[in-house]
N, C-alpha and C. Protein backbone atom coordinates (compact mmCIF):
# COMPACT_ATOMS: atom_id res chain seq x y z
N UNK A 1 5.17 -15.40 14.24
CA UNK A 1 5.37 -14.37 13.10
C UNK A 1 4.21 -13.60 12.81
N UNK A 2 3.43 -12.71 12.81
CA UNK A 2 2.70 -12.21 12.62
C UNK A 2 2.04 -11.79 11.38
N UNK A 3 0.83 -12.24 10.99
CA UNK A 3 0.94 -12.26 9.72
C UNK A 3 -0.85 -11.29 9.14
N UNK A 4 -0.15 -10.46 8.19
CA UNK A 4 -2.13 -9.39 8.25
C UNK A 4 -3.17 -10.46 7.02
N UNK A 5 -4.02 -10.00 7.78
CA UNK A 5 -4.98 -10.17 7.05
C UNK A 5 -5.13 -9.82 5.54
N UNK A 6 -5.31 -8.72 4.95
CA UNK A 6 -5.30 -8.03 3.58
C UNK A 6 -4.14 -6.89 3.32
N UNK A 7 -3.52 -7.11 2.26
CA UNK A 7 -2.58 -6.61 1.42
C UNK A 7 -3.43 -5.84 0.18
N UNK A 8 -2.99 -4.64 0.17
CA UNK A 8 -3.47 -3.48 -1.08
C UNK A 8 -2.43 -3.66 -1.74
N UNK A 9 -1.82 -3.73 -3.16
CA UNK A 9 -1.09 -3.83 -4.09
C UNK A 9 -1.67 -2.65 -4.94
N UNK A 10 -1.35 -1.27 -5.48
CA UNK A 10 -1.74 -0.21 -6.66
C UNK A 10 -0.60 -0.12 -7.58
N UNK A 11 -0.58 -0.91 -8.57
CA UNK A 11 0.63 -1.26 -9.16
C UNK A 11 -0.27 -1.31 -10.86
N UNK A 12 0.25 -0.12 -11.72
CA UNK A 12 -0.14 -0.55 -13.07
C UNK A 12 1.18 -1.51 -14.09
N UNK A 13 2.04 -1.57 -12.93
CA UNK A 13 3.18 -2.44 -13.98
C UNK A 13 3.01 -4.19 -13.25
N UNK A 14 1.68 -5.28 -14.34
CA UNK A 14 1.68 -6.17 -14.52
C UNK A 14 2.99 -7.49 -13.78
N UNK A 15 3.95 -7.01 -14.35
CA UNK A 15 5.00 -7.38 -13.78
C UNK A 15 5.24 -7.62 -12.59
N UNK A 16 5.50 -6.00 -11.67
CA UNK A 16 6.20 -5.75 -10.44
C UNK A 16 4.84 -6.78 -10.18
N UNK A 17 3.54 -6.27 -9.95
CA UNK A 17 2.86 -6.88 -9.48
C UNK A 17 2.66 -8.41 -8.90
N UNK A 18 3.14 -9.05 -10.30
CA UNK A 18 2.91 -10.54 -10.13
C UNK A 18 4.11 -10.97 -8.90
N UNK A 19 5.25 -10.12 -9.36
CA UNK A 19 6.73 -10.66 -7.96
C UNK A 19 6.35 -10.35 -6.83
N UNK A 20 5.62 -9.29 -7.24
CA UNK A 20 5.35 -8.47 -5.24
C UNK A 20 4.66 -9.59 -4.88
N UNK A 21 3.34 -9.79 -5.59
CA UNK A 21 2.15 -10.75 -4.68
C UNK A 21 2.78 -11.53 -4.54
N UNK A 22 3.57 -12.70 -5.25
CA UNK A 22 4.75 -13.59 -4.97
C UNK A 22 4.84 -13.75 -3.60
N UNK A 23 6.02 -12.68 -3.39
CA UNK A 23 7.08 -12.37 -2.78
C UNK A 23 5.86 -12.88 -1.29
N UNK A 24 4.59 -11.75 -1.79
CA UNK A 24 4.04 -11.60 -0.56
C UNK A 24 3.89 -12.63 -0.01
N UNK A 25 3.02 -13.57 -0.49
CA UNK A 25 2.86 -14.93 -0.32
C UNK A 25 3.87 -15.88 -0.08
N UNK A 26 4.98 -15.76 -0.27
CA UNK A 26 5.83 -16.97 -0.30
C UNK A 26 6.58 -16.73 1.30
N UNK A 27 6.52 -15.75 1.69
CA UNK A 27 6.99 -15.71 3.37
C UNK A 27 5.38 -15.57 4.53
N UNK A 28 4.21 -15.73 3.69
CA UNK A 28 3.35 -15.79 4.69
C UNK A 28 3.13 -14.55 5.38
N UNK A 29 3.11 -13.20 4.67
CA UNK A 29 3.13 -12.12 4.79
C UNK A 29 1.72 -11.82 5.15
N UNK A 30 0.90 -11.79 3.67
CA UNK A 30 -0.67 -11.61 3.88
C UNK A 30 -1.09 -12.73 4.27
N UNK A 31 -2.69 -12.46 4.37
CA UNK A 31 -3.87 -13.92 4.07
C UNK A 31 -3.91 -13.68 2.99
N UNK A 32 -4.25 -12.54 2.51
CA UNK A 32 -4.96 -11.67 1.13
C UNK A 32 -4.14 -10.72 0.28
N UNK A 33 -4.12 -10.55 -0.79
CA UNK A 33 -3.38 -9.83 -1.49
C UNK A 33 -4.42 -9.46 -2.30
N UNK A 34 -4.71 -8.37 -2.56
CA UNK A 34 -5.52 -7.67 -3.54
C UNK A 34 -5.06 -7.14 -4.81
N UNK A 35 -4.64 -6.80 -5.90
CA UNK A 35 -3.79 -5.76 -6.39
C UNK A 35 -4.70 -5.35 -8.02
N UNK A 36 -4.51 -3.83 -7.78
CA UNK A 36 -5.34 -3.08 -8.31
C UNK A 36 -4.09 -1.96 -9.44
N UNK A 37 -4.60 -2.37 -10.58
CA UNK A 37 -3.99 -1.52 -11.92
C UNK A 37 -3.70 -0.53 -11.83
N UNK A 38 -5.03 -0.20 -11.60
CA UNK A 38 -5.33 1.38 -11.91
C UNK A 38 -5.66 2.29 -10.47
N UNK A 39 -5.19 3.28 -9.65
CA UNK A 39 -5.52 3.86 -8.46
C UNK A 39 -6.82 4.02 -8.79
N UNK A 40 -7.63 4.48 -9.39
CA UNK A 40 -9.08 4.71 -9.22
C UNK A 40 -9.98 3.58 -8.71
N UNK A 41 -10.17 2.64 -9.09
CA UNK A 41 -10.51 1.08 -9.16
C UNK A 41 -9.90 1.05 -7.34
N UNK A 42 -8.92 1.05 -7.53
CA UNK A 42 -8.37 1.25 -5.71
C UNK A 42 -9.34 1.88 -4.75
N UNK A 43 -9.15 2.99 -5.34
CA UNK A 43 -9.68 4.01 -4.56
C UNK A 43 -11.41 3.88 -4.60
N UNK A 44 -12.27 3.74 -5.11
CA UNK A 44 -13.71 3.24 -5.31
C UNK A 44 -13.72 1.92 -4.52
N UNK A 45 -12.80 1.15 -4.37
CA UNK A 45 -13.34 -0.39 -4.01
C UNK A 45 -12.87 0.40 -2.32
N UNK A 46 -11.73 0.74 -2.06
CA UNK A 46 -11.66 0.87 -0.83
C UNK A 46 -12.45 2.45 0.37
N UNK A 47 -12.93 2.93 -0.95
CA UNK A 47 -13.82 4.23 -0.37
C UNK A 47 -15.32 2.96 0.42
N UNK A 48 -15.18 2.00 -0.50
CA UNK A 48 -16.91 1.19 -0.74
C UNK A 48 -16.71 0.36 0.93
N UNK A 49 -15.60 0.05 1.12
CA UNK A 49 -14.71 -0.85 2.10
C UNK A 49 -15.06 0.22 3.76
N UNK A 50 -14.80 0.97 3.34
CA UNK A 50 -14.38 2.23 4.82
C UNK A 50 -16.01 2.38 5.02
N UNK A 51 -17.04 2.49 4.22
CA UNK A 51 -18.37 2.90 4.66
C UNK A 51 -19.05 1.80 4.99
N UNK A 52 -18.71 0.73 4.32
CA UNK A 52 -19.79 -0.41 4.73
C UNK A 52 -19.15 -1.46 5.13
N UNK A 53 -17.88 -1.86 5.05
CA UNK A 53 -17.32 -3.07 6.15
C UNK A 53 -15.58 -2.04 6.53
N UNK A 54 -15.98 -1.80 7.53
CA UNK A 54 -14.32 -1.02 8.02
C UNK A 54 -13.74 -1.74 8.33
N UNK A 55 -13.87 -3.00 9.53
CA UNK A 55 -13.49 -3.97 9.43
C UNK A 55 -12.51 -5.24 8.26
N UNK A 56 -12.95 -4.65 7.44
CA UNK A 56 -12.31 -5.41 5.87
C UNK A 56 -10.84 -4.70 5.54
N UNK A 57 -11.03 -3.12 5.77
CA UNK A 57 -10.08 -2.76 5.51
C UNK A 57 -8.44 -3.03 5.21
N UNK A 58 -7.80 -2.86 4.32
CA UNK A 58 -6.54 -3.28 4.43
C UNK A 58 -5.40 -2.62 5.27
N UNK A 59 -5.03 -3.73 6.10
CA UNK A 59 -4.16 -3.17 7.06
C UNK A 59 -2.68 -2.79 6.37
N UNK A 60 -2.96 -2.63 4.75
CA UNK A 60 -1.27 -2.43 4.30
C UNK A 60 -1.69 -2.21 3.36
N UNK A 61 -1.21 -1.34 2.31
CA UNK A 61 -0.80 -0.64 1.07
C UNK A 61 0.32 -0.13 0.60
N UNK A 62 0.46 -1.24 -0.67
CA UNK A 62 1.87 -0.35 -1.42
C UNK A 62 1.41 0.43 -2.60
N UNK A 63 1.51 1.88 -2.81
CA UNK A 63 1.11 2.27 -3.54
C UNK A 63 2.20 2.73 -5.01
N UNK A 64 2.06 2.47 -6.14
CA UNK A 64 2.55 3.06 -7.09
C UNK A 64 2.73 4.82 -7.13
N UNK A 65 3.34 5.55 -7.92
CA UNK A 65 2.95 6.80 -7.78
C UNK A 65 2.88 7.21 -8.97
N UNK A 66 3.80 6.42 -10.34
CA UNK A 66 3.96 6.85 -11.40
C UNK A 66 2.85 5.97 -12.65
N UNK A 67 1.59 6.21 -12.73
CA UNK A 67 0.49 5.76 -12.82
C UNK A 67 -0.59 6.78 -14.29
N UNK A 68 -1.08 5.93 -15.45
CA UNK A 68 -1.71 6.90 -16.01
C UNK A 68 -3.38 6.72 -15.44
N UNK A 69 -4.50 7.73 -15.98
CA UNK A 69 -4.91 8.02 -14.71
C UNK A 69 -5.15 8.85 -13.67
N UNK A 70 -5.54 8.06 -12.99
CA UNK A 70 -5.64 8.87 -10.94
C UNK A 70 -4.17 8.20 -10.78
N UNK A 71 -2.76 9.35 -10.17
CA UNK A 71 -1.63 8.46 -10.06
C UNK A 71 -1.87 8.47 -8.21
N UNK A 72 -0.77 8.13 -8.04
CA UNK A 72 -0.31 8.18 -6.61
C UNK A 72 -0.49 9.44 -5.55
N UNK A 73 0.18 10.29 -6.72
CA UNK A 73 -0.21 11.67 -5.32
C UNK A 73 -1.78 11.49 -5.50
N UNK A 74 -2.87 11.56 -6.51
CA UNK A 74 -3.67 11.95 -6.37
C UNK A 74 -4.63 10.53 -5.52
N UNK A 75 -4.09 9.69 -5.35
CA UNK A 75 -4.84 8.68 -4.63
C UNK A 75 -4.48 9.40 -3.08
N UNK A 76 -3.66 9.85 -3.29
CA UNK A 76 -3.33 9.99 -1.26
C UNK A 76 -4.01 10.89 -1.16
N UNK A 77 -4.38 12.30 -2.19
CA UNK A 77 -5.29 12.98 -1.67
C UNK A 77 -6.91 12.49 -1.50
N UNK A 78 -6.83 11.24 -2.30
CA UNK A 78 -8.33 10.98 -2.27
C UNK A 78 -8.19 9.56 -0.34
N UNK A 79 -7.06 9.09 -0.38
CA UNK A 79 -7.22 8.49 1.09
C UNK A 79 -7.16 9.46 2.48
N UNK A 80 -6.57 10.07 2.61
CA UNK A 80 -6.80 11.27 3.04
C UNK A 80 -8.41 11.88 3.79
N UNK A 81 -9.14 11.18 2.61
CA UNK A 81 -10.61 12.12 3.19
C UNK A 81 -11.17 10.31 3.75
N UNK A 82 -10.42 9.10 3.65
CA UNK A 82 -11.66 8.22 4.59
C UNK A 82 -11.72 8.50 5.70
N UNK A 83 -12.27 7.76 6.26
CA UNK A 83 -12.69 8.22 7.96
C UNK A 83 -11.32 7.21 8.82
N UNK A 84 -11.44 8.35 9.37
CA UNK A 84 -10.32 8.33 10.56
C UNK A 84 -9.45 6.72 10.90
N UNK A 85 -10.55 6.04 11.35
CA UNK A 85 -10.55 5.00 11.85
C UNK A 85 -9.97 3.88 10.65
N UNK A 86 -10.49 4.20 9.66
CA UNK A 86 -9.74 3.33 8.54
C UNK A 86 -7.90 3.93 8.15
N UNK A 87 -7.81 4.69 8.35
CA UNK A 87 -6.39 5.66 8.40
C UNK A 87 -5.55 4.55 9.29
N UNK A 88 -6.04 4.86 10.44
CA UNK A 88 -5.36 4.69 12.02
C UNK A 88 -5.11 2.70 11.30
N UNK A 89 -6.11 2.30 11.06
CA UNK A 89 -5.83 0.74 11.23
C UNK A 89 -4.92 0.52 10.20
N UNK A 90 -4.31 1.38 8.90
CA UNK A 90 -3.76 0.91 7.85
C UNK A 90 -2.29 1.78 7.73
N UNK A 91 -1.32 0.69 6.86
CA UNK A 91 0.33 1.08 6.65
C UNK A 91 0.33 1.96 4.71
N UNK A 92 0.14 2.44 4.58
CA UNK A 92 0.23 3.13 3.35
C UNK A 92 1.68 3.55 2.98
N UNK A 93 2.76 2.43 1.97
CA UNK A 93 4.34 2.60 1.60
C UNK A 93 3.82 3.21 0.00
N UNK A 94 4.27 4.13 -0.04
CA UNK A 94 4.82 4.28 -1.57
C UNK A 94 5.63 3.01 -1.67
N UNK A 95 5.49 2.29 -2.76
CA UNK A 95 6.53 1.50 -3.26
C UNK A 95 6.66 1.71 -5.08
N UNK A 96 7.79 2.67 -5.31
CA UNK A 96 8.33 3.38 -6.36
C UNK A 96 9.55 3.11 -7.29
N UNK A 97 9.47 2.77 -8.57
CA UNK A 97 10.69 2.67 -8.84
C UNK A 97 11.26 4.07 -9.40
N UNK A 98 10.77 4.94 -8.84
CA UNK A 98 11.20 6.76 -8.90
C UNK A 98 12.26 6.68 -7.88
N UNK A 99 14.00 7.48 -8.63
CA UNK A 99 14.54 7.45 -7.57
C UNK A 99 14.64 9.08 -7.55
N UNK A 100 13.95 9.76 -7.80
CA UNK A 100 14.05 11.67 -7.63
C UNK A 100 13.72 11.74 -6.57
N UNK A 101 14.90 12.94 -5.91
CA UNK A 101 14.58 12.68 -4.24
C UNK A 101 13.21 13.70 -4.27
N UNK A 102 13.33 14.51 -4.99
CA UNK A 102 11.55 15.66 -4.88
C UNK A 102 10.59 14.37 -4.57
N UNK A 103 10.50 13.04 -5.04
CA UNK A 103 9.45 12.38 -4.73
C UNK A 103 9.39 11.71 -3.58
N UNK A 104 10.92 11.38 -2.97
CA UNK A 104 10.82 10.46 -1.68
C UNK A 104 10.22 11.90 -0.85
N UNK A 105 10.85 12.91 -0.26
CA UNK A 105 10.73 13.77 0.18
C UNK A 105 9.02 13.83 0.06
N UNK A 106 8.35 14.42 -1.07
CA UNK A 106 6.94 14.30 -0.95
C UNK A 106 6.26 13.34 -0.16
N UNK A 107 6.97 12.26 -1.08
CA UNK A 107 5.71 11.00 -0.33
C UNK A 107 6.26 10.77 1.31
N UNK A 108 7.42 11.19 1.80
CA UNK A 108 6.86 11.54 3.44
C UNK A 108 6.53 12.08 3.66
N UNK A 109 6.23 13.94 3.03
CA UNK A 109 6.01 15.00 3.96
C UNK A 109 4.44 14.51 4.20
N UNK A 110 3.37 13.42 3.18
CA UNK A 110 2.71 12.89 3.94
C UNK A 110 2.47 12.13 5.29
N UNK A 111 1.51 12.79 6.09
CA UNK A 111 1.67 11.66 7.56
C UNK A 111 1.23 10.38 7.65
N UNK A 112 0.02 10.83 6.54
CA UNK A 112 -0.28 9.11 5.99
C UNK A 112 0.64 8.10 5.20
N UNK A 113 1.97 8.51 4.65
CA UNK A 113 2.71 7.65 4.44
C UNK A 113 3.52 7.13 4.99
N UNK A 114 3.59 5.96 5.33
CA UNK A 114 4.53 5.54 6.55
C UNK A 114 5.99 5.05 5.77
N UNK A 115 6.46 5.20 4.56
CA UNK A 115 7.71 5.20 4.26
C UNK A 115 7.70 5.15 2.55
N UNK A 116 8.66 5.43 1.97
CA UNK A 116 8.90 5.13 0.43
C UNK A 116 9.50 4.13 0.70
N UNK A 117 9.10 3.66 -0.04
CA UNK A 117 10.49 1.72 -0.46
C UNK A 117 10.61 2.34 -1.93
N UNK A 118 11.90 1.88 -2.59
CA UNK A 118 12.16 1.20 -3.55
C UNK A 118 12.52 0.20 -4.42
N UNK A 119 11.19 -0.04 -5.57
CA UNK A 119 11.41 -0.78 -5.70
C UNK A 119 12.61 -1.70 -6.15
N UNK A 120 12.54 -3.29 -6.28
CA UNK A 120 11.75 -3.47 -5.77
C UNK A 120 11.68 -4.20 -4.74
N UNK A 121 10.55 -4.89 -4.42
CA UNK A 121 9.66 -5.50 -3.16
C UNK A 121 10.83 -6.86 -3.16
N UNK A 122 10.79 -6.89 -1.72
CA UNK A 122 12.08 -7.76 -1.42
C UNK A 122 12.06 -8.57 -0.24
N UNK A 123 11.80 -10.01 0.22
CA UNK A 123 11.16 -10.51 1.95
C UNK A 123 12.21 -9.21 2.60
N UNK A 124 13.49 -9.29 2.52
CA UNK A 124 13.86 -8.71 3.41
C UNK A 124 13.20 -7.10 3.86
N UNK A 125 12.46 -6.01 2.77
CA UNK A 125 12.15 -5.14 2.89
C UNK A 125 11.12 -5.91 4.05
N UNK A 126 10.36 -6.83 3.40
CA UNK A 126 8.90 -7.13 3.90
C UNK A 126 8.75 -7.76 5.52
N UNK A 127 10.26 -8.34 5.66
CA UNK A 127 10.50 -8.71 7.58
C UNK A 127 11.00 -6.89 8.05
N UNK A 128 11.78 -6.26 7.67
CA UNK A 128 11.60 -4.85 7.82
C UNK A 128 10.41 -4.04 8.51
N UNK A 129 9.42 -4.20 7.68
CA UNK A 129 8.20 -3.52 7.38
C UNK A 129 7.48 -4.38 9.14
N UNK A 130 7.63 -5.22 8.89
CA UNK A 130 7.24 -6.54 9.58
C UNK A 130 7.48 -6.15 11.21
N UNK A 131 8.13 -6.02 11.11
CA UNK A 131 9.17 -5.68 12.04
C UNK A 131 9.34 -4.13 12.82
N UNK A 132 9.51 -3.17 11.72
CA UNK A 132 9.54 -1.90 12.34
C UNK A 132 7.89 -1.08 12.42
N UNK A 133 6.70 -1.75 11.87
CA UNK A 133 5.51 -0.99 11.44
C UNK A 133 4.33 -1.29 12.16
N UNK A 134 4.74 -2.88 11.83
CA UNK A 134 3.49 -3.65 11.91
C UNK A 134 3.21 -4.41 13.89
N UNK A 135 2.30 -4.36 14.17
CA UNK A 135 2.07 -4.71 15.21
C UNK A 135 0.93 -5.70 16.08
N UNK A 136 0.86 -6.90 16.09
CA UNK A 136 -0.58 -7.34 16.45
C UNK A 136 -1.47 -6.80 16.84
N UNK A 137 -2.54 -7.50 17.12
CA UNK A 137 -3.46 -6.57 17.68
C UNK A 137 -4.18 -7.33 19.49
């Protein structure tokens, strides 16, 4: 079973973040889970890591769309500016409770976004991601 080094969860909902982190850890999906409640804080962290320690850039990011301040759409625009090597290393998934078809289509229109996943995250969804999107180095 392939375990990721680092996963980042960007979501302002603390309860959802706690549940997601618990699920990720419970099935050994990742060795490290970093949680950010603000997209801007996550962007600042990732921008720094991409430029100083690219080997520590996460292999996967779960991004909520509807957040105060910098929202998920704005985060995606900033994400596109990261070095190509960082983006190629990472799998970006939108994880949202939004069920608006427009949001789903918009998320999937960004080539950097691997897929749109509806909350809640589950072990089955993580296993699907592992099988369909992740490959050992």
